[in-house]
Amino acid sequence: MKLTSFQSKVLAALIAIFVLSTVIYFYSSKDSTLPKMTVQEKKARFKALIIPAVNDVYADLMLRYNEVSTSLESGSHSEEIAKLKVEYKAKSDAELLMALKPHPKSIAIAQAAMESSWATSRFFREAYNIFGVWSFDEDEPRIAALQKRGDKTIWVKEYSSIKASVSDYYRTIARGRAFKEFRKLKMKTDDPFALVKKLDRYSEKGAEYGHELTSIIKFNKFHQLDAIN
């Protein structure tokens, strides 16, 4: 049977989608060996893998933030809110909201790019650890870094999925004492270029870390993703 021009285009599109999905699945699987890629190919793969997960997590967190904010405004202090305060180490309603409000997606994506070398690092390939999050609990899934600090082994968390890694990253920022000033500032502004200056304690690079994140966000136009809900 001869296909019409329209049917041929539809078939070609379906084949392209199938091939792309197969490639993304294979090269996002743990322990996968990556082929040589151009910078453009590496970034395209990174965006296809990471941005959907960040979008999903951000949407979930924003929904919860709005629900809790509404409950607090109405004077409701449910058992769930009490549990959230314990989980996020919040001593007040204001601190809880600071913890729950997700920061701009552009920052998360830029950090993912930097910490995972655009989703090519060993930590990402073997453990879905996108953000270089360390592990201090021997009972949780984790893998050892190849390098040691003195005679001490460095462990990083192992995740079941990319989305799980993104969720834990946001939770780390929401709970960590080192990011208190960052949390305060994000209640006043959603400007990623102002906020990254408060992430100097995320990395041993200090203030330079914020400068590098700024460059990544600007060059790749990641800030444009913040306007997309």
C-alpha atoms as a PDB file:
ATOM      1  CA  MET A   1       0.000   0.000   0.000  1.00  0.00           C
ATOM      2  CA  LYS A   2       1.395   3.361  -0.986  1.00  0.00           C
ATOM      3  CA  LEU A   3       1.440   5.945   1.777  1.00  0.00           C
ATOM      4  CA  THR A   4       0.220   9.458   1.231  1.00  0.00           C
ATOM      5  CA  SER A   5       2.583  12.374   1.796  1.00  0.00           C
ATOM      6  CA  PHE A   6       0.924  13.125   5.136  1.00  0.00           C
ATOM      7  CA  GLN A   7       1.124   9.498   6.281  1.00  0.00           C
ATOM      8  CA  SER A   8       4.799   9.360   5.338  1.00  0.00           C
ATOM      9  CA  LYS A   9       5.530  12.455   7.423  1.00  0.00           C
ATOM     10  CA  VAL A  10       3.638  11.034  10.406  1.00  0.00           C
ATOM     11  CA  LEU A  11       5.496   7.722  10.128  1.00  0.00           C
ATOM     12  CA  ALA A  12       8.848   9.500   9.897  1.00  0.00           C
ATOM     13  CA  ALA A  13       8.014  11.579  12.973  1.00  0.00           C
ATOM     14  CA  LEU A  14       7.021   8.483  14.962  1.00  0.00           C
ATOM     15  CA  ILE A  15      10.231   6.701  13.995  1.00  0.00           C
ATOM     16  CA  ALA A  16      12.291   9.741  15.020  1.00  0.00           C
ATOM     17  CA  ILE A  17      10.531   9.900  18.399  1.00  0.00           C
ATOM     18  CA  PHE A  18      11.094   6.174  18.958  1.00  0.00           C
ATOM     19  CA  VAL A  19      14.788   6.393  18.094  1.00  0.00           C
ATOM     20  CA  LEU A  20      15.313   9.454  20.317  1.00  0.00           C
ATOM     21  CA  SER A  21      13.475   7.807  23.226  1.00  0.00           C
ATOM     22  CA  THR A  22      15.552   4.654  22.844  1.00  0.00           C
ATOM     23  CA  VAL A  23      18.815   6.596  22.787  1.00  0.00           C
ATOM     24  CA  ILE A  24      17.854   8.665  25.835  1.00  0.00           C
ATOM     25  CA  TYR A  25      16.787   5.554  27.753  1.00  0.00           C
ATOM     26  CA  PHE A  26      19.969   3.664  26.929  1.00  0.00           C
ATOM     27  CA  TYR A  27      22.346   6.485  27.729  1.00  0.00           C
ATOM     28  CA  SER A  28      20.529   7.395  30.941  1.00  0.00           C
ATOM     29  CA  SER A  29      20.770   3.852  32.289  1.00  0.00           C
ATOM     30  CA  LYS A  30      23.220   3.206  35.089  1.00  0.00           C
ATOM     31  CA  ASP A  31      26.656   1.930  34.098  1.00  0.00           C
ATOM     32  CA  SER A  32      26.087   2.869  30.467  1.00  0.00           C
ATOM     33  CA  THR A  33      29.194   3.614  28.443  1.00  0.00           C
ATOM     34  CA  LEU A  34      28.883   6.918  26.675  1.00  0.00           C
ATOM     35  CA  PRO A  35      29.947   7.358  23.067  1.00  0.00           C
ATOM     36  CA  LYS A  36      32.061  10.275  21.956  1.00  0.00           C
ATOM     37  CA  MET A  37      29.835  13.320  21.637  1.00  0.00           C
ATOM     38  CA  THR A  38      30.217  16.861  20.430  1.00  0.00           C
ATOM     39  CA  VAL A  39      29.518  19.650  22.906  1.00  0.00           C
ATOM     40  CA  GLN A  40      26.165  20.236  21.226  1.00  0.00           C
ATOM     41  CA  GLU A  41      25.230  16.553  21.453  1.00  0.00           C
ATOM     42  CA  LYS A  42      26.291  16.379  25.094  1.00  0.00           C
ATOM     43  CA  LYS A  43      24.178  19.403  25.993  1.00  0.00           C
ATOM     44  CA  ALA A  44      21.178  18.138  24.028  1.00  0.00           C
ATOM     45  CA  ARG A  45      21.345  14.818  25.874  1.00  0.00           C
ATOM     46  CA  PHE A  46      21.706  16.616  29.211  1.00  0.00           C
ATOM     47  CA  LYS A  47      18.668  18.802  28.570  1.00  0.00           C
ATOM     48  CA  ALA A  48      16.550  15.834  27.483  1.00  0.00           C
ATOM     49  CA  LEU A  49      17.438  13.947  30.665  1.00  0.00           C
ATOM     50  CA  ILE A  50      17.530  16.644  33.326  1.00  0.00           C
ATOM     51  CA  ILE A  51      15.075  19.414  32.440  1.00  0.00           C
ATOM     52  CA  PRO A  52      11.913  17.222  32.540  1.00  0.00           C
ATOM     53  CA  ALA A  53      12.891  15.919  35.989  1.00  0.00           C
ATOM     54  CA  VAL A  54      13.566  19.434  37.298  1.00  0.00           C
ATOM     55  CA  ASN A  55      10.238  20.636  35.888  1.00  0.00           C
ATOM     56  CA  ASP A  56       8.358  17.791  37.599  1.00  0.00           C
ATOM     57  CA  VAL A  57      10.027  18.270  40.976  1.00  0.00           C
ATOM     58  CA  TYR A  58       9.624  22.046  40.846  1.00  0.00           C
ATOM     59  CA  ALA A  59       5.901  21.715  40.067  1.00  0.00           C
ATOM     60  CA  ASP A  60       5.397  19.275  42.955  1.00  0.00           C
ATOM     61  CA  LEU A  61       7.257  21.513  45.403  1.00  0.00           C
ATOM     62  CA  MET A  62       5.462  24.669  44.303  1.00  0.00           C
ATOM     63  CA  LEU A  63       2.099  22.940  44.719  1.00  0.00           C
ATOM     64  CA  ARG A  64       2.969  21.909  48.266  1.00  0.00           C
ATOM     65  CA  TYR A  65       4.339  25.366  49.065  1.00  0.00           C
ATOM     66  CA  ASN A  66       1.104  27.014  47.925  1.00  0.00           C
ATOM     67  CA  GLU A  67      -1.028  24.534  49.873  1.00  0.00           C
ATOM     68  CA  VAL A  68       0.932  25.046  53.095  1.00  0.00           C
ATOM     69  CA  SER A  69       0.982  28.820  52.600  1.00  0.00           C
ATOM     70  CA  THR A  70      -2.807  28.845  52.217  1.00  0.00           C
ATOM     71  CA  SER A  71      -3.234  26.687  55.318  1.00  0.00           C
ATOM     72  CA  LEU A  72      -1.031  28.971  57.396  1.00  0.00           C
ATOM     73  CA  GLU A  73      -2.845  32.081  56.186  1.00  0.00           C
ATOM     74  CA  SER A  74      -6.151  30.556  57.269  1.00  0.00           C
ATOM     75  CA  GLY A  75      -4.753  29.864  60.719  1.00  0.00           C
ATOM     76  CA  SER A  76      -4.710  26.128  60.254  1.00  0.00           C
ATOM     77  CA  HIS A  77      -1.838  24.297  61.943  1.00  0.00           C
ATOM     78  CA  SER A  78      -2.461  20.708  61.019  1.00  0.00           C
ATOM     79  CA  GLU A  79      -0.519  17.658  62.083  1.00  0.00           C
ATOM     80  CA  GLU A  80       0.983  17.562  58.593  1.00  0.00           C
ATOM     81  CA  ILE A  81       2.436  21.055  59.014  1.00  0.00           C
ATOM     82  CA  ALA A  82       3.884  20.056  62.375  1.00  0.00           C
ATOM     83  CA  LYS A  83       5.582  17.076  60.723  1.00  0.00           C
ATOM     84  CA  LEU A  84       6.937  19.279  57.946  1.00  0.00           C
ATOM     85  CA  LYS A  85       8.483  21.609  60.517  1.00  0.00           C
ATOM     86  CA  VAL A  86      10.313  18.678  62.057  1.00  0.00           C
ATOM     87  CA  GLU A  87      11.424  17.352  58.671  1.00  0.00           C
ATOM     88  CA  TYR A  88      12.731  20.726  57.504  1.00  0.00           C
ATOM     89  CA  LYS A  89      14.096  21.808  60.892  1.00  0.00           C
ATOM     90  CA  ALA A  90      11.855  24.879  60.840  1.00  0.00           C
ATOM     91  CA  LYS A  91      11.261  26.705  64.119  1.00  0.00           C
ATOM     92  CA  SER A  92       8.505  28.954  62.772  1.00  0.00           C
ATOM     93  CA  ASP A  93       5.923  29.252  60.010  1.00  0.00           C
ATOM     94  CA  ALA A  94       8.196  31.693  58.195  1.00  0.00           C
ATOM     95  CA  GLU A  95      11.130  29.273  58.270  1.00  0.00           C
ATOM     96  CA  LEU A  96       8.905  26.477  56.984  1.00  0.00           C
ATOM     97  CA  LEU A  97       7.797  28.558  54.009  1.00  0.00           C
ATOM     98  CA  MET A  98      11.417  29.498  53.301  1.00  0.00           C
ATOM     99  CA  ALA A  99      12.265  25.812  53.215  1.00  0.00           C
ATOM    100  CA  LEU A 100       9.316  24.744  51.094  1.00  0.00           C
ATOM    101  CA  LYS A 101       9.466  27.403  48.396  1.00  0.00           C
ATOM    102  CA  PRO A 102      11.511  25.963  45.511  1.00  0.00           C
ATOM    103  CA  HIS A 103      14.247  28.132  44.054  1.00  0.00           C
ATOM    104  CA  PRO A 104      14.399  28.890  40.306  1.00  0.00           C
ATOM    105  CA  LYS A 105      14.793  25.937  37.984  1.00  0.00           C
ATOM    106  CA  SER A 106      17.639  27.643  36.155  1.00  0.00           C
ATOM    107  CA  ILE A 107      19.837  27.342  39.245  1.00  0.00           C
ATOM    108  CA  ALA A 108      19.104  23.643  39.676  1.00  0.00           C
ATOM    109  CA  ILE A 109      19.805  22.968  35.999  1.00  0.00           C
ATOM    110  CA  ALA A 110      23.042  24.964  36.038  1.00  0.00           C
ATOM    111  CA  GLN A 111      24.234  23.159  39.163  1.00  0.00           C
ATOM    112  CA  ALA A 112      23.340  19.831  37.589  1.00  0.00           C
ATOM    113  CA  ALA A 113      25.417  20.736  34.537  1.00  0.00           C
ATOM    114  CA  MET A 114      28.399  21.788  36.626  1.00  0.00           C
ATOM    115  CA  GLU A 115      28.308  19.001  39.203  1.00  0.00           C
ATOM    116  CA  SER A 116      27.725  16.164  36.717  1.00  0.00           C
ATOM    117  CA  SER A 117      29.788  17.484  33.796  1.00  0.00           C
ATOM    118  CA  TRP A 118      26.615  17.701  31.732  1.00  0.00           C
ATOM    119  CA  ALA A 119      25.365  14.285  32.904  1.00  0.00           C
ATOM    120  CA  THR A 120      28.535  12.436  31.925  1.00  0.00           C
ATOM    121  CA  SER A 121      30.204  12.009  35.330  1.00  0.00           C
ATOM    122  CA  ARG A 122      30.746   8.607  36.883  1.00  0.00           C
ATOM    123  CA  PHE A 123      28.528   9.584  39.816  1.00  0.00           C
ATOM    124  CA  PHE A 124      25.674  10.267  37.421  1.00  0.00           C
ATOM    125  CA  ARG A 125      26.243   7.237  35.209  1.00  0.00           C
ATOM    126  CA  GLU A 126      26.538   4.781  38.089  1.00  0.00           C
ATOM    127  CA  ALA A 127      24.336   6.345  40.771  1.00  0.00           C
ATOM    128  CA  TYR A 128      22.124   9.026  39.171  1.00  0.00           C
ATOM    129  CA  ASN A 129      23.901  11.440  41.522  1.00  0.00           C
ATOM    130  CA  ILE A 130      23.626  14.673  39.568  1.00  0.00           C
ATOM    131  CA  PHE A 131      24.639  17.154  42.252  1.00  0.00           C
ATOM    132  CA  GLY A 132      27.596  15.453  43.918  1.00  0.00           C
ATOM    133  CA  VAL A 133      25.648  14.901  47.146  1.00  0.00           C
ATOM    134  CA  TRP A 134      27.764  13.096  49.728  1.00  0.00           C
ATOM    135  CA  SER A 135      26.595  10.198  51.879  1.00  0.00           C
ATOM    136  CA  PHE A 136      27.334   9.868  55.584  1.00  0.00           C
ATOM    137  CA  ASP A 137      24.977   6.949  56.229  1.00  0.00           C
ATOM    138  CA  GLU A 138      26.460   3.513  55.598  1.00  0.00           C
ATOM    139  CA  ASP A 139      22.980   1.985  55.518  1.00  0.00           C
ATOM    140  CA  GLU A 140      21.768   3.983  52.509  1.00  0.00           C
ATOM    141  CA  PRO A 141      22.529   3.163  48.856  1.00  0.00           C
ATOM    142  CA  ARG A 142      25.813   4.818  47.902  1.00  0.00           C
ATOM    143  CA  ILE A 143      29.004   4.437  45.907  1.00  0.00           C
ATOM    144  CA  ALA A 144      32.592   5.300  46.723  1.00  0.00           C
ATOM    145  CA  ALA A 145      34.508   8.055  45.005  1.00  0.00           C
ATOM    146  CA  LEU A 146      37.708   6.963  43.305  1.00  0.00           C
ATOM    147  CA  GLN A 147      39.761   9.534  45.207  1.00  0.00           C
ATOM    148  CA  LYS A 148      40.165   9.678  48.971  1.00  0.00           C
ATOM    149  CA  ARG A 149      40.791  12.492  51.414  1.00  0.00           C
ATOM    150  CA  GLY A 150      43.829  11.302  53.241  1.00  0.00           C
ATOM    151  CA  ASP A 151      42.921   7.778  54.259  1.00  0.00           C
ATOM    152  CA  LYS A 152      39.171   8.453  54.295  1.00  0.00           C
ATOM    153  CA  THR A 153      36.837   7.172  51.598  1.00  0.00           C
ATOM    154  CA  ILE A 154      34.398   9.686  50.152  1.00  0.00           C
ATOM    155  CA  TRP A 155      30.913   8.302  49.581  1.00  0.00           C
ATOM    156  CA  VAL A 156      28.147   9.789  47.452  1.00  0.00           C
ATOM    157  CA  LYS A 157      24.475   8.888  47.477  1.00  0.00           C
ATOM    158  CA  GLU A 158      23.014   6.503  44.943  1.00  0.00           C
ATOM    159  CA  TYR A 159      19.521   7.265  43.650  1.00  0.00           C
ATOM    160  CA  SER A 160      16.856   5.161  41.991  1.00  0.00           C
ATOM    161  CA  SER A 161      16.114   7.772  39.335  1.00  0.00           C
ATOM    162  CA  ILE A 162      17.031  11.216  38.056  1.00  0.00           C
ATOM    163  CA  LYS A 163      13.888  12.663  39.623  1.00  0.00           C
ATOM    164  CA  ALA A 164      14.824  11.186  43.009  1.00  0.00           C
ATOM    165  CA  SER A 165      18.211  12.878  42.749  1.00  0.00           C
ATOM    166  CA  VAL A 166      16.625  16.243  41.930  1.00  0.00           C
ATOM    167  CA  SER A 167      14.145  15.893  44.812  1.00  0.00           C
ATOM    168  CA  ASP A 168      16.901  15.161  47.311  1.00  0.00           C
ATOM    169  CA  TYR A 169      18.947  18.098  46.026  1.00  0.00           C
ATOM    170  CA  TYR A 170      16.060  20.512  46.633  1.00  0.00           C
ATOM    171  CA  ARG A 171      15.566  18.963  50.074  1.00  0.00           C
ATOM    172  CA  THR A 172      19.260  19.445  50.871  1.00  0.00           C
ATOM    173  CA  ILE A 173      19.059  23.137  49.988  1.00  0.00           C
ATOM    174  CA  ALA A 174      15.843  23.457  52.003  1.00  0.00           C
ATOM    175  CA  ARG A 175      17.297  21.919  55.175  1.00  0.00           C
ATOM    176  CA  GLY A 176      20.996  22.711  55.194  1.00  0.00           C
ATOM    177  CA  ARG A 177      22.274  25.266  57.691  1.00  0.00           C
ATOM    178  CA  ALA A 178      24.792  26.453  55.105  1.00  0.00           C
ATOM    179  CA  PHE A 179      21.986  27.672  52.833  1.00  0.00           C
ATOM    180  CA  LYS A 180      19.978  29.711  55.338  1.00  0.00           C
ATOM    181  CA  GLU A 181      20.871  33.046  53.726  1.00  0.00           C
ATOM    182  CA  PHE A 182      20.012  31.594  50.323  1.00  0.00           C
ATOM    183  CA  ARG A 183      16.572  30.579  51.606  1.00  0.00           C
ATOM    184  CA  LYS A 184      15.967  34.027  53.077  1.00  0.00           C
ATOM    185  CA  LEU A 185      16.849  35.767  49.836  1.00  0.00           C
ATOM    186  CA  LYS A 186      14.631  33.568  47.653  1.00  0.00           C
ATOM    187  CA  MET A 187      11.619  34.825  49.604  1.00  0.00           C
ATOM    188  CA  LYS A 188      12.471  38.314  48.345  1.00  0.00           C
ATOM    189  CA  THR A 189      13.538  37.606  44.771  1.00  0.00           C
ATOM    190  CA  ASP A 190      13.446  34.940  42.075  1.00  0.00           C
ATOM    191  CA  ASP A 191      16.436  36.458  40.294  1.00  0.00           C
ATOM    192  CA  PRO A 192      18.819  33.526  39.763  1.00  0.00           C
ATOM    193  CA  PHE A 193      21.798  35.826  39.283  1.00  0.00           C
ATOM    194  CA  ALA A 194      21.298  37.332  42.736  1.00  0.00           C
ATOM    195  CA  LEU A 195      20.557  34.003  44.381  1.00  0.00           C
ATOM    196  CA  VAL A 196      23.610  32.088  43.138  1.00  0.00           C
ATOM    197  CA  LYS A 197      25.825  34.484  45.090  1.00  0.00           C
ATOM    198  CA  LYS A 198      24.443  32.855  48.243  1.00  0.00           C
ATOM    199  CA  LEU A 199      25.517  29.356  47.180  1.00  0.00           C
ATOM    200  CA  ASP A 200      29.180  29.951  47.962  1.00  0.00           C
ATOM    201  CA  ARG A 201      29.055  27.267  50.658  1.00  0.00           C
ATOM    202  CA  TYR A 202      27.796  24.583  48.282  1.00  0.00           C
ATOM    203  CA  SER A 203      31.281  24.189  46.863  1.00  0.00           C
ATOM    204  CA  GLU A 204      34.859  24.529  48.004  1.00  0.00           C
ATOM    205  CA  LYS A 205      35.201  27.093  45.214  1.00  0.00           C
ATOM    206  CA  GLY A 206      33.441  29.628  47.429  1.00  0.00           C
ATOM    207  CA  ALA A 207      32.374  32.850  45.721  1.00  0.00           C
ATOM    208  CA  GLU A 208      33.779  31.618  42.398  1.00  0.00           C
ATOM    209  CA  TYR A 209      31.067  28.946  42.391  1.00  0.00           C
ATOM    210  CA  GLY A 210      28.384  31.609  42.022  1.00  0.00           C
ATOM    211  CA  HIS A 211      30.301  33.282  39.206  1.00  0.00           C
ATOM    212  CA  GLU A 212      30.535  29.999  37.310  1.00  0.00           C
ATOM    213  CA  LEU A 213      26.830  29.289  37.782  1.00  0.00           C
ATOM    214  CA  THR A 214      26.025  32.764  36.476  1.00  0.00           C
ATOM    215  CA  SER A 215      28.065  32.096  33.344  1.00  0.00           C
ATOM    216  CA  ILE A 216      26.363  28.742  32.733  1.00  0.00           C
ATOM    217  CA  ILE A 217      22.879  30.199  33.187  1.00  0.00           C
ATOM    218  CA  LYS A 218      23.555  33.166  30.905  1.00  0.00           C
ATOM    219  CA  PHE A 219      25.412  31.325  28.147  1.00  0.00           C
ATOM    220  CA  ASN A 220      22.824  28.534  27.932  1.00  0.00           C
ATOM    221  CA  LYS A 221      19.855  30.858  28.520  1.00  0.00           C
ATOM    222  CA  PHE A 222      18.610  28.640  31.339  1.00  0.00           C
ATOM    223  CA  HIS A 223      16.939  31.659  32.979  1.00  0.00           C
ATOM    224  CA  GLN A 224      14.360  31.554  30.187  1.00  0.00           C
ATOM    225  CA  LEU A 225      13.107  28.265  31.639  1.00  0.00           C
ATOM    226  CA  ASP A 226      12.087  30.033  34.849  1.00  0.00           C
ATOM    227  CA  ALA A 227       9.245  31.724  32.992  1.00  0.00           C
ATOM    228  CA  ILE A 228       7.824  28.361  31.901  1.00  0.00           C
ATOM    229  CA  ASN A 229       5.487  26.764  34.445  1.00  0.00           C
END
